[in-house]
Structures are given as structure tokens and as C-alpha cells.
Full PDB file with SEQRES, HELIX, SHEET, SSBOND, CRYST1, ORIGX, SCALE, CONECT and MASTER records, all heavy atoms in Angstrom:
SEQRES   1 A   43  LEU ILE LYS MET PHE TYR ASN GLN LYS ASN ASN ILE ASN          
SEQRES   2 A   43  GLY PRO THR PHE GLY PRO LEU ALA VAL SER ASP CYS TYR          
SEQRES   3 A   43  THR ASP ASN GLY CYS TYR GLN ALA ALA VAL ALA LEU GLY          
SEQRES   4 A   43  LYS ILE GLY ARG                                              
HELIX    1 AA1 ILE A    2  ASN A   10  1                                   9    
HELIX    2 AA2 ASN A   29  ILE A   41  1                                  13    
SSBOND   1 CYS A   25    CYS A   31                          1555   1555  1.85  
CRYST1    1.000    1.000    1.000  90.00  90.00  90.00 P 1           1          
ORIGX1      1.000000  0.000000  0.000000        0.00000                         
ORIGX2      0.000000  1.000000  0.000000        0.00000                         
ORIGX3      0.000000  0.000000  1.000000        0.00000                         
SCALE1      1.000000  0.000000  0.000000        0.00000                         
SCALE2      0.000000  1.000000  0.000000        0.00000                         
SCALE3      0.000000  0.000000  1.000000        0.00000                         
ATOM      1  N   LEU A   1      15.287 -27.295 -14.417  1.00  0.00           N  
ATOM      2  CA  LEU A   1      14.110 -26.432 -14.551  1.00  0.00           C  
ATOM      3  C   LEU A   1      13.010 -26.848 -13.573  1.00  0.00           C  
ATOM      4  O   LEU A   1      12.332 -25.994 -12.994  1.00  0.00           O  
ATOM      5  CB  LEU A   1      13.591 -26.494 -15.990  1.00  0.00           C  
ATOM      6  CG  LEU A   1      14.449 -25.767 -17.030  1.00  0.00           C  
ATOM      7  CD1 LEU A   1      14.027 -26.163 -18.446  1.00  0.00           C  
ATOM      8  CD2 LEU A   1      14.357 -24.251 -16.846  1.00  0.00           C  
ATOM      9  N   ILE A   2      12.841 -28.144 -13.381  1.00  0.00           N  
ATOM     10  CA  ILE A   2      11.852 -28.626 -12.401  1.00  0.00           C  
ATOM     11  C   ILE A   2      12.259 -28.172 -11.005  1.00  0.00           C  
ATOM     12  O   ILE A   2      11.429 -27.693 -10.215  1.00  0.00           O  
ATOM     13  CB  ILE A   2      11.727 -30.156 -12.467  1.00  0.00           C  
ATOM     14  CG1 ILE A   2      11.083 -30.586 -13.783  1.00  0.00           C  
ATOM     15  CG2 ILE A   2      10.904 -30.681 -11.284  1.00  0.00           C  
ATOM     16  CD1 ILE A   2      11.039 -32.085 -14.003  1.00  0.00           C  
ATOM     17  N   LYS A   3      13.538 -28.303 -10.696  1.00  0.00           N  
ATOM     18  CA  LYS A   3      14.035 -27.882  -9.386  1.00  0.00           C  
ATOM     19  C   LYS A   3      13.833 -26.387  -9.189  1.00  0.00           C  
ATOM     20  O   LYS A   3      13.409 -25.932  -8.124  1.00  0.00           O  
ATOM     21  CB  LYS A   3      15.512 -28.240  -9.264  1.00  0.00           C  
ATOM     22  CG  LYS A   3      16.109 -27.944  -7.896  1.00  0.00           C  
ATOM     23  CD  LYS A   3      17.554 -28.417  -7.829  1.00  0.00           C  
ATOM     24  CE  LYS A   3      18.158 -28.143  -6.456  1.00  0.00           C  
ATOM     25  NZ  LYS A   3      19.568 -28.576  -6.379  1.00  0.00           N  
ATOM     26  N   MET A   4      14.104 -25.621 -10.244  1.00  0.00           N  
ATOM     27  CA  MET A   4      13.913 -24.171 -10.183  1.00  0.00           C  
ATOM     28  C   MET A   4      12.446 -23.831  -9.955  1.00  0.00           C  
ATOM     29  O   MET A   4      12.101 -22.962  -9.147  1.00  0.00           O  
ATOM     30  CB  MET A   4      14.396 -23.548 -11.492  1.00  0.00           C  
ATOM     31  CG  MET A   4      14.244 -22.038 -11.581  1.00  0.00           C  
ATOM     32  SD  MET A   4      14.865 -21.470 -13.186  1.00  0.00           S  
ATOM     33  CE  MET A   4      14.568 -19.710 -13.039  1.00  0.00           C  
ATOM     34  N   PHE A   5      11.564 -24.529 -10.653  1.00  0.00           N  
ATOM     35  CA  PHE A   5      10.129 -24.307 -10.529  1.00  0.00           C  
ATOM     36  C   PHE A   5       9.662 -24.502  -9.094  1.00  0.00           C  
ATOM     37  O   PHE A   5       8.942 -23.673  -8.529  1.00  0.00           O  
ATOM     38  CB  PHE A   5       9.416 -25.285 -11.462  1.00  0.00           C  
ATOM     39  CG  PHE A   5       7.918 -25.125 -11.530  1.00  0.00           C  
ATOM     40  CD1 PHE A   5       7.351 -23.902 -11.789  1.00  0.00           C  
ATOM     41  CD2 PHE A   5       7.089 -26.219 -11.361  1.00  0.00           C  
ATOM     42  CE1 PHE A   5       5.971 -23.756 -11.871  1.00  0.00           C  
ATOM     43  CE2 PHE A   5       5.714 -26.096 -11.451  1.00  0.00           C  
ATOM     44  CZ  PHE A   5       5.155 -24.855 -11.703  1.00  0.00           C  
ATOM     45  N   TYR A   6      10.099 -25.584  -8.459  1.00  0.00           N  
ATOM     46  CA  TYR A   6       9.657 -25.881  -7.102  1.00  0.00           C  
ATOM     47  C   TYR A   6      10.444 -25.145  -6.034  1.00  0.00           C  
ATOM     48  O   TYR A   6       9.880 -24.717  -5.032  1.00  0.00           O  
ATOM     49  CB  TYR A   6       9.711 -27.390  -6.858  1.00  0.00           C  
ATOM     50  CG  TYR A   6       8.529 -28.098  -7.432  1.00  0.00           C  
ATOM     51  CD1 TYR A   6       8.615 -28.738  -8.664  1.00  0.00           C  
ATOM     52  CD2 TYR A   6       7.305 -28.080  -6.790  1.00  0.00           C  
ATOM     53  CE1 TYR A   6       7.513 -29.356  -9.217  1.00  0.00           C  
ATOM     54  CE2 TYR A   6       6.198 -28.698  -7.327  1.00  0.00           C  
ATOM     55  CZ  TYR A   6       6.305 -29.331  -8.547  1.00  0.00           C  
ATOM     56  OH  TYR A   6       5.210 -29.934  -9.096  1.00  0.00           O  
ATOM     57  N   ASN A   7      11.729 -24.989  -6.209  1.00  0.00           N  
ATOM     58  CA  ASN A   7      12.527 -24.287  -5.207  1.00  0.00           C  
ATOM     59  C   ASN A   7      12.069 -22.855  -5.026  1.00  0.00           C  
ATOM     60  O   ASN A   7      11.984 -22.338  -3.921  1.00  0.00           O  
ATOM     61  CB  ASN A   7      14.012 -24.307  -5.578  1.00  0.00           C  
ATOM     62  CG  ASN A   7      14.712 -25.563  -5.114  1.00  0.00           C  
ATOM     63  OD1 ASN A   7      14.075 -26.469  -4.592  1.00  0.00           O  
ATOM     64  ND2 ASN A   7      16.001 -25.625  -5.309  1.00  0.00           N  
ATOM     65  N   GLN A   8      11.766 -22.195  -6.124  1.00  0.00           N  
ATOM     66  CA  GLN A   8      11.357 -20.804  -6.012  1.00  0.00           C  
ATOM     67  C   GLN A   8       9.983 -20.684  -5.372  1.00  0.00           C  
ATOM     68  O   GLN A   8       9.700 -19.768  -4.624  1.00  0.00           O  
ATOM     69  CB  GLN A   8      11.372 -20.139  -7.389  1.00  0.00           C  
ATOM     70  CG  GLN A   8      12.788 -20.049  -7.917  1.00  0.00           C  
ATOM     71  CD  GLN A   8      12.906 -19.128  -9.089  1.00  0.00           C  
ATOM     72  OE1 GLN A   8      12.964 -17.920  -8.899  1.00  0.00           O  
ATOM     73  NE2 GLN A   8      12.951 -19.670 -10.276  1.00  0.00           N  
ATOM     74  N   LYS A   9       9.129 -21.675  -5.662  1.00  0.00           N  
ATOM     75  CA  LYS A   9       7.797 -21.668  -5.049  1.00  0.00           C  
ATOM     76  C   LYS A   9       7.878 -21.852  -3.545  1.00  0.00           C  
ATOM     77  O   LYS A   9       7.186 -21.209  -2.767  1.00  0.00           O  
ATOM     78  CB  LYS A   9       6.953 -22.765  -5.707  1.00  0.00           C  
ATOM     79  CG  LYS A   9       5.562 -22.954  -5.136  1.00  0.00           C  
ATOM     80  CD  LYS A   9       5.513 -24.018  -4.064  1.00  0.00           C  
ATOM     81  CE  LYS A   9       5.974 -25.353  -4.562  1.00  0.00           C  
ATOM     82  NZ  LYS A   9       5.912 -26.375  -3.488  1.00  0.00           N  
ATOM     83  N   ASN A  10       8.769 -22.753  -3.112  1.00  0.00           N  
ATOM     84  CA  ASN A  10       8.865 -23.076  -1.696  1.00  0.00           C  
ATOM     85  C   ASN A  10       9.791 -22.151  -0.919  1.00  0.00           C  
ATOM     86  O   ASN A  10       9.937 -22.280   0.283  1.00  0.00           O  
ATOM     87  CB  ASN A  10       9.358 -24.515  -1.531  1.00  0.00           C  
ATOM     88  CG  ASN A  10       8.283 -25.527  -1.900  1.00  0.00           C  
ATOM     89  OD1 ASN A  10       7.121 -25.317  -1.625  1.00  0.00           O  
ATOM     90  ND2 ASN A  10       8.682 -26.609  -2.540  1.00  0.00           N  
ATOM     91  N   ASN A  11      10.468 -21.252  -1.644  1.00  0.00           N  
ATOM     92  CA  ASN A  11      11.395 -20.318  -1.004  1.00  0.00           C  
ATOM     93  C   ASN A  11      12.490 -21.064  -0.243  1.00  0.00           C  
ATOM     94  O   ASN A  11      12.820 -20.753   0.900  1.00  0.00           O  
ATOM     95  CB  ASN A  11      10.656 -19.365  -0.066  1.00  0.00           C  
ATOM     96  CG  ASN A  11      11.468 -18.108   0.207  1.00  0.00           C  
ATOM     97  OD1 ASN A  11      12.300 -17.723  -0.604  1.00  0.00           O  
ATOM     98  ND2 ASN A  11      11.219 -17.493   1.337  1.00  0.00           N  
ATOM     99  N   ILE A  12      13.030 -22.085  -0.884  1.00  0.00           N  
ATOM    100  CA  ILE A  12      14.054 -22.911  -0.253  1.00  0.00           C  
ATOM    101  C   ILE A  12      15.429 -22.256  -0.390  1.00  0.00           C  
ATOM    102  O   ILE A  12      15.826 -21.844  -1.459  1.00  0.00           O  
ATOM    103  CB  ILE A  12      14.102 -24.310  -0.912  1.00  0.00           C  
ATOM    104  CG1 ILE A  12      12.778 -25.036  -0.656  1.00  0.00           C  
ATOM    105  CG2 ILE A  12      15.265 -25.133  -0.388  1.00  0.00           C  
ATOM    106  CD1 ILE A  12      12.655 -26.338  -1.406  1.00  0.00           C  
ATOM    107  N   ASN A  13      16.160 -22.180   0.715  1.00  0.00           N  
ATOM    108  CA  ASN A  13      17.521 -21.679   0.692  1.00  0.00           C  
ATOM    109  C   ASN A  13      18.474 -22.864   0.690  1.00  0.00           C  
ATOM    110  O   ASN A  13      19.064 -23.222   1.693  1.00  0.00           O  
ATOM    111  CB  ASN A  13      17.801 -20.775   1.905  1.00  0.00           C  
ATOM    112  CG  ASN A  13      16.965 -19.515   1.855  1.00  0.00           C  
ATOM    113  OD1 ASN A  13      16.614 -19.042   0.788  1.00  0.00           O  
ATOM    114  ND2 ASN A  13      16.636 -18.977   3.011  1.00  0.00           N  
ATOM    115  N   GLY A  14      18.568 -23.523  -0.434  1.00  0.00           N  
ATOM    116  CA  GLY A  14      19.399 -24.717  -0.545  1.00  0.00           C  
ATOM    117  C   GLY A  14      20.762 -24.412  -1.107  1.00  0.00           C  
ATOM    118  O   GLY A  14      21.131 -23.256  -1.289  1.00  0.00           O  
ATOM    119  N   PRO A  15      21.544 -25.434  -1.405  1.00  0.00           N  
ATOM    120  CA  PRO A  15      22.900 -25.237  -1.894  1.00  0.00           C  
ATOM    121  C   PRO A  15      22.948 -24.604  -3.273  1.00  0.00           C  
ATOM    122  O   PRO A  15      23.915 -23.951  -3.627  1.00  0.00           O  
ATOM    123  CB  PRO A  15      23.470 -26.665  -1.936  1.00  0.00           C  
ATOM    124  CG  PRO A  15      22.261 -27.543  -2.040  1.00  0.00           C  
ATOM    125  CD  PRO A  15      21.200 -26.851  -1.273  1.00  0.00           C  
ATOM    126  N   THR A  16      21.880 -24.807  -4.070  1.00  0.00           N  
ATOM    127  CA  THR A  16      21.876 -24.235  -5.413  1.00  0.00           C  
ATOM    128  C   THR A  16      21.477 -22.781  -5.394  1.00  0.00           C  
ATOM    129  O   THR A  16      22.065 -21.943  -6.058  1.00  0.00           O  
ATOM    130  CB  THR A  16      20.910 -25.014  -6.333  1.00  0.00           C  
ATOM    131  OG1 THR A  16      21.304 -26.386  -6.341  1.00  0.00           O  
ATOM    132  CG2 THR A  16      20.978 -24.480  -7.750  1.00  0.00           C  
ATOM    133  N   PHE A  17      20.471 -22.450  -4.595  1.00  0.00           N  
ATOM    134  CA  PHE A  17      19.991 -21.089  -4.507  1.00  0.00           C  
ATOM    135  C   PHE A  17      20.295 -20.537  -3.116  1.00  0.00           C  
ATOM    136  O   PHE A  17      19.780 -21.025  -2.125  1.00  0.00           O  
ATOM    137  CB  PHE A  17      18.475 -21.024  -4.749  1.00  0.00           C  
ATOM    138  CG  PHE A  17      18.055 -21.580  -6.072  1.00  0.00           C  
ATOM    139  CD1 PHE A  17      17.541 -22.852  -6.177  1.00  0.00           C  
ATOM    140  CD2 PHE A  17      18.204 -20.831  -7.221  1.00  0.00           C  
ATOM    141  CE1 PHE A  17      17.148 -23.359  -7.399  1.00  0.00           C  
ATOM    142  CE2 PHE A  17      17.820 -21.335  -8.450  1.00  0.00           C  
ATOM    143  CZ  PHE A  17      17.290 -22.606  -8.540  1.00  0.00           C  
ATOM    144  N   GLY A  18      21.095 -19.500  -3.062  1.00  0.00           N  
ATOM    145  CA  GLY A  18      21.442 -18.903  -1.781  1.00  0.00           C  
ATOM    146  C   GLY A  18      20.302 -18.071  -1.237  1.00  0.00           C  
ATOM    147  O   GLY A  18      19.291 -17.869  -1.897  1.00  0.00           O  
ATOM    148  N   PRO A  19      20.438 -17.539  -0.015  1.00  0.00           N  
ATOM    149  CA  PRO A  19      19.366 -16.783   0.622  1.00  0.00           C  
ATOM    150  C   PRO A  19      18.877 -15.599  -0.202  1.00  0.00           C  
ATOM    151  O   PRO A  19      17.725 -15.225  -0.115  1.00  0.00           O  
ATOM    152  CB  PRO A  19      20.012 -16.314   1.930  1.00  0.00           C  
ATOM    153  CG  PRO A  19      21.071 -17.320   2.210  1.00  0.00           C  
ATOM    154  CD  PRO A  19      21.590 -17.727   0.871  1.00  0.00           C  
ATOM    155  N   LEU A  20      19.753 -15.015  -1.016  1.00  0.00           N  
ATOM    156  CA  LEU A  20      19.357 -13.863  -1.804  1.00  0.00           C  
ATOM    157  C   LEU A  20      18.850 -14.256  -3.186  1.00  0.00           C  
ATOM    158  O   LEU A  20      18.423 -13.417  -3.957  1.00  0.00           O  
ATOM    159  CB  LEU A  20      20.549 -12.905  -1.964  1.00  0.00           C  
ATOM    160  CG  LEU A  20      21.116 -12.337  -0.669  1.00  0.00           C  
ATOM    161  CD1 LEU A  20      22.303 -11.437  -0.984  1.00  0.00           C  
ATOM    162  CD2 LEU A  20      20.060 -11.552   0.099  1.00  0.00           C  
ATOM    163  N   ALA A  21      18.919 -15.545  -3.480  1.00  0.00           N  
ATOM    164  CA  ALA A  21      18.637 -15.977  -4.843  1.00  0.00           C  
ATOM    165  C   ALA A  21      17.227 -16.481  -5.045  1.00  0.00           C  
ATOM    166  O   ALA A  21      16.792 -16.634  -6.168  1.00  0.00           O  
ATOM    167  CB  ALA A  21      19.611 -17.084  -5.244  1.00  0.00           C  
ATOM    168  N   VAL A  22      16.504 -16.728  -3.969  1.00  0.00           N  
ATOM    169  CA  VAL A  22      15.225 -17.418  -4.106  1.00  0.00           C  
ATOM    170  C   VAL A  22      14.071 -16.492  -3.772  1.00  0.00           C  
ATOM    171  O   VAL A  22      14.105 -15.737  -2.826  1.00  0.00           O  
ATOM    172  CB  VAL A  22      15.179 -18.642  -3.174  1.00  0.00           C  
ATOM    173  CG1 VAL A  22      13.887 -19.412  -3.386  1.00  0.00           C  
ATOM    174  CG2 VAL A  22      16.377 -19.527  -3.445  1.00  0.00           C  
ATOM    175  N   SER A  23      13.030 -16.577  -4.584  1.00  0.00           N  
ATOM    176  CA  SER A  23      11.796 -15.864  -4.308  1.00  0.00           C  
ATOM    177  C   SER A  23      10.651 -16.794  -4.671  1.00  0.00           C  
ATOM    178  O   SER A  23      10.873 -17.845  -5.246  1.00  0.00           O  
ATOM    179  CB  SER A  23      11.743 -14.578  -5.130  1.00  0.00           C  
ATOM    180  OG  SER A  23      10.578 -13.850  -4.836  1.00  0.00           O  
ATOM    181  N   ASP A  24       9.431 -16.430  -4.331  1.00  0.00           N  
ATOM    182  CA  ASP A  24       8.332 -17.318  -4.688  1.00  0.00           C  
ATOM    183  C   ASP A  24       7.697 -16.877  -6.003  1.00  0.00           C  
ATOM    184  O   ASP A  24       8.083 -15.901  -6.611  1.00  0.00           O  
ATOM    185  CB  ASP A  24       7.294 -17.373  -3.560  1.00  0.00           C  
ATOM    186  CG  ASP A  24       6.709 -16.011  -3.226  1.00  0.00           C  
ATOM    187  OD1 ASP A  24       6.627 -15.181  -4.155  1.00  0.00           O  
ATOM    188  OD2 ASP A  24       6.347 -15.792  -2.070  1.00  0.00           O  
ATOM    189  N   CYS A  25       6.704 -17.633  -6.443  1.00  0.00           N  
ATOM    190  CA  CYS A  25       6.107 -17.387  -7.749  1.00  0.00           C  
ATOM    191  C   CYS A  25       5.387 -16.050  -7.841  1.00  0.00           C  
ATOM    192  O   CYS A  25       5.124 -15.565  -8.930  1.00  0.00           O  
ATOM    193  CB  CYS A  25       5.131 -18.516  -8.087  1.00  0.00           C  
ATOM    194  SG  CYS A  25       5.946 -19.981  -8.742  1.00  0.00           S  
ATOM    195  N   TYR A  26       5.065 -15.469  -6.723  1.00  0.00           N  
ATOM    196  CA  TYR A  26       4.355 -14.206  -6.763  1.00  0.00           C  
ATOM    197  C   TYR A  26       5.255 -13.050  -7.183  1.00  0.00           C  
ATOM    198  O   TYR A  26       4.792 -12.058  -7.701  1.00  0.00           O  
ATOM    199  CB  TYR A  26       3.747 -13.892  -5.385  1.00  0.00           C  
ATOM    200  CG  TYR A  26       2.575 -14.772  -5.040  1.00  0.00           C  
ATOM    201  CD1 TYR A  26       2.752 -15.921  -4.283  1.00  0.00           C  
ATOM    202  CD2 TYR A  26       1.300 -14.471  -5.491  1.00  0.00           C  
ATOM    203  CE1 TYR A  26       1.687 -16.739  -3.970  1.00  0.00           C  
ATOM    204  CE2 TYR A  26       0.223 -15.288  -5.184  1.00  0.00           C  
ATOM    205  CZ  TYR A  26       0.425 -16.415  -4.412  1.00  0.00           C  
ATOM    206  OH  TYR A  26      -0.619 -17.231  -4.124  1.00  0.00           O  
ATOM    207  N   THR A  27       6.535 -13.177  -6.929  1.00  0.00           N  
ATOM    208  CA  THR A  27       7.435 -12.052  -7.174  1.00  0.00           C  
ATOM    209  C   THR A  27       8.565 -12.393  -8.129  1.00  0.00           C  
ATOM    210  O   THR A  27       9.336 -11.528  -8.487  1.00  0.00           O  
ATOM    211  CB  THR A  27       8.057 -11.572  -5.849  1.00  0.00           C  
ATOM    212  OG1 THR A  27       8.762 -12.663  -5.237  1.00  0.00           O  
ATOM    213  CG2 THR A  27       6.988 -11.062  -4.898  1.00  0.00           C  
ATOM    214  N   ASP A  28       8.671 -13.622  -8.553  1.00  0.00           N  
ATOM    215  CA  ASP A  28       9.820 -14.030  -9.346  1.00  0.00           C  
ATOM    216  C   ASP A  28       9.376 -14.593 -10.690  1.00  0.00           C  
ATOM    217  O   ASP A  28       8.726 -15.627 -10.754  1.00  0.00           O  
ATOM    218  CB  ASP A  28      10.636 -15.078  -8.586  1.00  0.00           C  
ATOM    219  CG  ASP A  28      12.049 -15.196  -9.141  1.00  0.00           C  
ATOM    220  OD1 ASP A  28      12.202 -15.083 -10.371  1.00  0.00           O  
ATOM    221  OD2 ASP A  28      12.967 -15.392  -8.348  1.00  0.00           O  
ATOM    222  N   ASN A  29       9.741 -13.887 -11.764  1.00  0.00           N  
ATOM    223  CA  ASN A  29       9.387 -14.317 -13.106  1.00  0.00           C  
ATOM    224  C   ASN A  29      10.049 -15.640 -13.468  1.00  0.00           C  
ATOM    225  O   ASN A  29       9.635 -16.308 -14.409  1.00  0.00           O  
ATOM    226  CB  ASN A  29       9.803 -13.227 -14.110  1.00  0.00           C  
ATOM    227  CG  ASN A  29       9.304 -13.488 -15.507  1.00  0.00           C  
ATOM    228  OD1 ASN A  29       8.173 -13.931 -15.700  1.00  0.00           O  
ATOM    229  ND2 ASN A  29      10.146 -13.229 -16.490  1.00  0.00           N  
ATOM    230  N   GLY A  30      11.074 -16.040 -12.737  1.00  0.00           N  
ATOM    231  CA  GLY A  30      11.769 -17.287 -13.022  1.00  0.00           C  
ATOM    232  C   GLY A  30      10.865 -18.497 -12.890  1.00  0.00           C  
ATOM    233  O   GLY A  30      11.000 -19.469 -13.643  1.00  0.00           O  
ATOM    234  N   CYS A  31       9.940 -18.473 -11.954  1.00  0.00           N  
ATOM    235  CA  CYS A  31       9.007 -19.578 -11.764  1.00  0.00           C  
ATOM    236  C   CYS A  31       8.148 -19.762 -13.012  1.00  0.00           C  
ATOM    237  O   CYS A  31       7.962 -20.874 -13.499  1.00  0.00           O  
ATOM    238  CB  CYS A  31       8.130 -19.292 -10.551  1.00  0.00           C  
ATOM    239  SG  CYS A  31       7.052 -20.643 -10.068  1.00  0.00           S  
ATOM    240  N   TYR A  32       7.656 -18.655 -13.541  1.00  0.00           N  
ATOM    241  CA  TYR A  32       6.859 -18.685 -14.762  1.00  0.00           C  
ATOM    242  C   TYR A  32       7.685 -19.166 -15.950  1.00  0.00           C  
ATOM    243  O   TYR A  32       7.256 -20.028 -16.728  1.00  0.00           O  
ATOM    244  CB  TYR A  32       6.282 -17.302 -15.046  1.00  0.00           C  
ATOM    245  CG  TYR A  32       5.702 -17.146 -16.435  1.00  0.00           C  
ATOM    246  CD1 TYR A  32       4.468 -17.705 -16.757  1.00  0.00           C  
ATOM    247  CD2 TYR A  32       6.405 -16.448 -17.420  1.00  0.00           C  
ATOM    248  CE1 TYR A  32       3.942 -17.567 -18.034  1.00  0.00           C  
ATOM    249  CE2 TYR A  32       5.885 -16.310 -18.694  1.00  0.00           C  
ATOM    250  CZ  TYR A  32       4.656 -16.868 -18.994  1.00  0.00           C  
ATOM    251  OH  TYR A  32       4.139 -16.740 -20.256  1.00  0.00           O  
ATOM    252  N   GLN A  33       8.895 -18.611 -16.096  1.00  0.00           N  
ATOM    253  CA  GLN A  33       9.736 -18.970 -17.232  1.00  0.00           C  
ATOM    254  C   GLN A  33      10.163 -20.438 -17.169  1.00  0.00           C  
ATOM    255  O   GLN A  33      10.293 -21.101 -18.205  1.00  0.00           O  
ATOM    256  CB  GLN A  33      10.968 -18.065 -17.295  1.00  0.00           C  
ATOM    257  CG  GLN A  33      10.678 -16.610 -17.641  1.00  0.00           C  
ATOM    258  CD  GLN A  33      10.112 -16.433 -19.039  1.00  0.00           C  
ATOM    259  OE1 GLN A  33      10.080 -17.357 -19.844  1.00  0.00           O  
ATOM    260  NE2 GLN A  33       9.655 -15.238 -19.338  1.00  0.00           N  
ATOM    261  N   ALA A  34      10.392 -20.952 -15.967  1.00  0.00           N  
ATOM    262  CA  ALA A  34      10.736 -22.369 -15.827  1.00  0.00           C  
ATOM    263  C   ALA A  34       9.574 -23.244 -16.282  1.00  0.00           C  
ATOM    264  O   ALA A  34       9.766 -24.258 -16.963  1.00  0.00           O  
ATOM    265  CB  ALA A  34      11.102 -22.682 -14.376  1.00  0.00           C  
ATOM    266  N   ALA A  35       8.358 -22.854 -15.924  1.00  0.00           N  
ATOM    267  CA  ALA A  35       7.176 -23.617 -16.330  1.00  0.00           C  
ATOM    268  C   ALA A  35       7.003 -23.606 -17.843  1.00  0.00           C  
ATOM    269  O   ALA A  35       6.738 -24.638 -18.466  1.00  0.00           O  
ATOM    270  CB  ALA A  35       5.930 -23.047 -15.654  1.00  0.00           C  
ATOM    271  N   VAL A  36       7.163 -22.437 -18.444  1.00  0.00           N  
ATOM    272  CA  VAL A  36       7.032 -22.318 -19.897  1.00  0.00           C  
ATOM    273  C   VAL A  36       8.109 -23.148 -20.595  1.00  0.00           C  
ATOM    274  O   VAL A  36       7.836 -23.847 -21.584  1.00  0.00           O  
ATOM    275  CB  VAL A  36       7.124 -20.840 -20.336  1.00  0.00           C  
ATOM    276  CG1 VAL A  36       7.216 -20.736 -21.856  1.00  0.00           C  
ATOM    277  CG2 VAL A  36       5.917 -20.065 -19.828  1.00  0.00           C  
ATOM    278  N   ALA A  37       9.325 -23.086 -20.092  1.00  0.00           N  
ATOM    279  CA  ALA A  37      10.423 -23.858 -20.688  1.00  0.00           C  
ATOM    280  C   ALA A  37      10.141 -25.358 -20.616  1.00  0.00           C  
ATOM    281  O   ALA A  37      10.397 -26.101 -21.571  1.00  0.00           O  
ATOM    282  CB  ALA A  37      11.739 -23.532 -19.981  1.00  0.00           C  
ATOM    283  N   LEU A  38       9.602 -25.807 -19.488  1.00  0.00           N  
ATOM    284  CA  LEU A  38       9.271 -27.227 -19.352  1.00  0.00           C  
ATOM    285  C   LEU A  38       8.222 -27.644 -20.386  1.00  0.00           C  
ATOM    286  O   LEU A  38       8.284 -28.737 -20.954  1.00  0.00           O  
ATOM    287  CB  LEU A  38       8.768 -27.518 -17.942  1.00  0.00           C  
ATOM    288  CG  LEU A  38       9.841 -27.512 -16.850  1.00  0.00           C  
ATOM    289  CD1 LEU A  38       9.198 -27.538 -15.461  1.00  0.00           C  
ATOM    290  CD2 LEU A  38      10.783 -28.710 -17.010  1.00  0.00           C  
ATOM    291  N   GLY A  39       7.268 -26.760 -20.638  1.00  0.00           N  
ATOM    292  CA  GLY A  39       6.262 -27.047 -21.648  1.00  0.00           C  
ATOM    293  C   GLY A  39       6.861 -27.144 -23.041  1.00  0.00           C  
ATOM    294  O   GLY A  39       6.523 -28.034 -23.823  1.00  0.00           O  
ATOM    295  N   LYS A  40       7.759 -26.232 -23.360  1.00  0.00           N  
ATOM    296  CA  LYS A  40       8.368 -26.208 -24.695  1.00  0.00           C  
ATOM    297  C   LYS A  40       9.289 -27.406 -24.922  1.00  0.00           C  
ATOM    298  O   LYS A  40       9.270 -28.025 -25.985  1.00  0.00           O  
ATOM    299  CB  LYS A  40       9.154 -24.909 -24.881  1.00  0.00           C  
ATOM    300  CG  LYS A  40       8.292 -23.668 -25.012  1.00  0.00           C  
ATOM    301  CD  LYS A  40       9.158 -22.426 -25.217  1.00  0.00           C  
ATOM    302  CE  LYS A  40       8.303 -21.193 -25.458  1.00  0.00           C  
ATOM    303  NZ  LYS A  40       9.140 -19.983 -25.662  1.00  0.00           N  
ATOM    304  N   ILE A  41      10.106 -27.729 -23.922  1.00  0.00           N  
ATOM    305  CA  ILE A  41      11.059 -28.831 -24.072  1.00  0.00           C  
ATOM    306  C   ILE A  41      10.348 -30.181 -23.977  1.00  0.00           C  
ATOM    307  O   ILE A  41      10.727 -31.151 -24.632  1.00  0.00           O  
ATOM    308  CB  ILE A  41      12.170 -28.733 -23.005  1.00  0.00           C  
ATOM    309  CG1 ILE A  41      12.927 -27.402 -23.155  1.00  0.00           C  
ATOM    310  CG2 ILE A  41      13.156 -29.887 -23.125  1.00  0.00           C  
ATOM    311  CD1 ILE A  41      13.884 -27.111 -21.997  1.00  0.00           C  
ATOM    312  N   GLY A  42       9.311 -30.248 -23.149  1.00  0.00           N  
ATOM    313  CA  GLY A  42       8.625 -31.510 -22.899  1.00  0.00           C  
ATOM    314  C   GLY A  42       7.874 -32.067 -24.090  1.00  0.00           C  
ATOM    315  O   GLY A  42       7.406 -33.202 -24.053  1.00  0.00           O  
ATOM    316  N   ARG A  43       7.766 -31.286 -25.171  1.00  0.00           N  
ATOM    317  CA  ARG A  43       7.052 -31.755 -26.361  1.00  0.00           C  
ATOM    318  C   ARG A  43       7.876 -32.738 -27.189  1.00  0.00           C  
ATOM    319  O   ARG A  43       7.377 -33.329 -28.135  1.00  0.00           O  
ATOM    320  CB  ARG A  43       6.662 -30.553 -27.231  1.00  0.00           C  
ATOM    321  CG  ARG A  43       5.625 -29.649 -26.599  1.00  0.00           C  
ATOM    322  CD  ARG A  43       5.287 -28.465 -27.461  1.00  0.00           C  
ATOM    323  NE  ARG A  43       6.398 -27.537 -27.616  1.00  0.00           N  
ATOM    324  CZ  ARG A  43       6.311 -26.369 -28.247  1.00  0.00           C  
ATOM    325  NH1 ARG A  43       5.162 -26.017 -28.800  1.00  0.00           N  
ATOM    326  NH2 ARG A  43       7.352 -25.580 -28.346  1.00  0.00           N  
TER     327      ARG A  43                                                      
CONECT  194  239                                                                
CONECT  239  194                                                                
MASTER        0    0    0    2    0    0    0    6  326    1    2    4          
END                                                                             
């Protein structure tokens, strides 16, 4: 989830997320959901 949070923000095309899989926080709800999940699990 941490990797997802940062990878999507940085628009990284790494081995986990292919070129079509990554977007930044402005357009991808995944960044928000990853942050919320980290808050819920981190308790």
C-alpha cells in the first residue's frame, strides 16, 4: 500500500505497475484509497 501510494504519485512505470497502470493522485482514486487503508490498518 505504501508503494502504491508513492508509485502512483510519482507516475513510475516500474515492474509492478506497467505504463498503462499508473496515474498520479490527481486522477487516480487508488492513491486516496491506499492512504485511507494505511490509516485503518496502521491503528
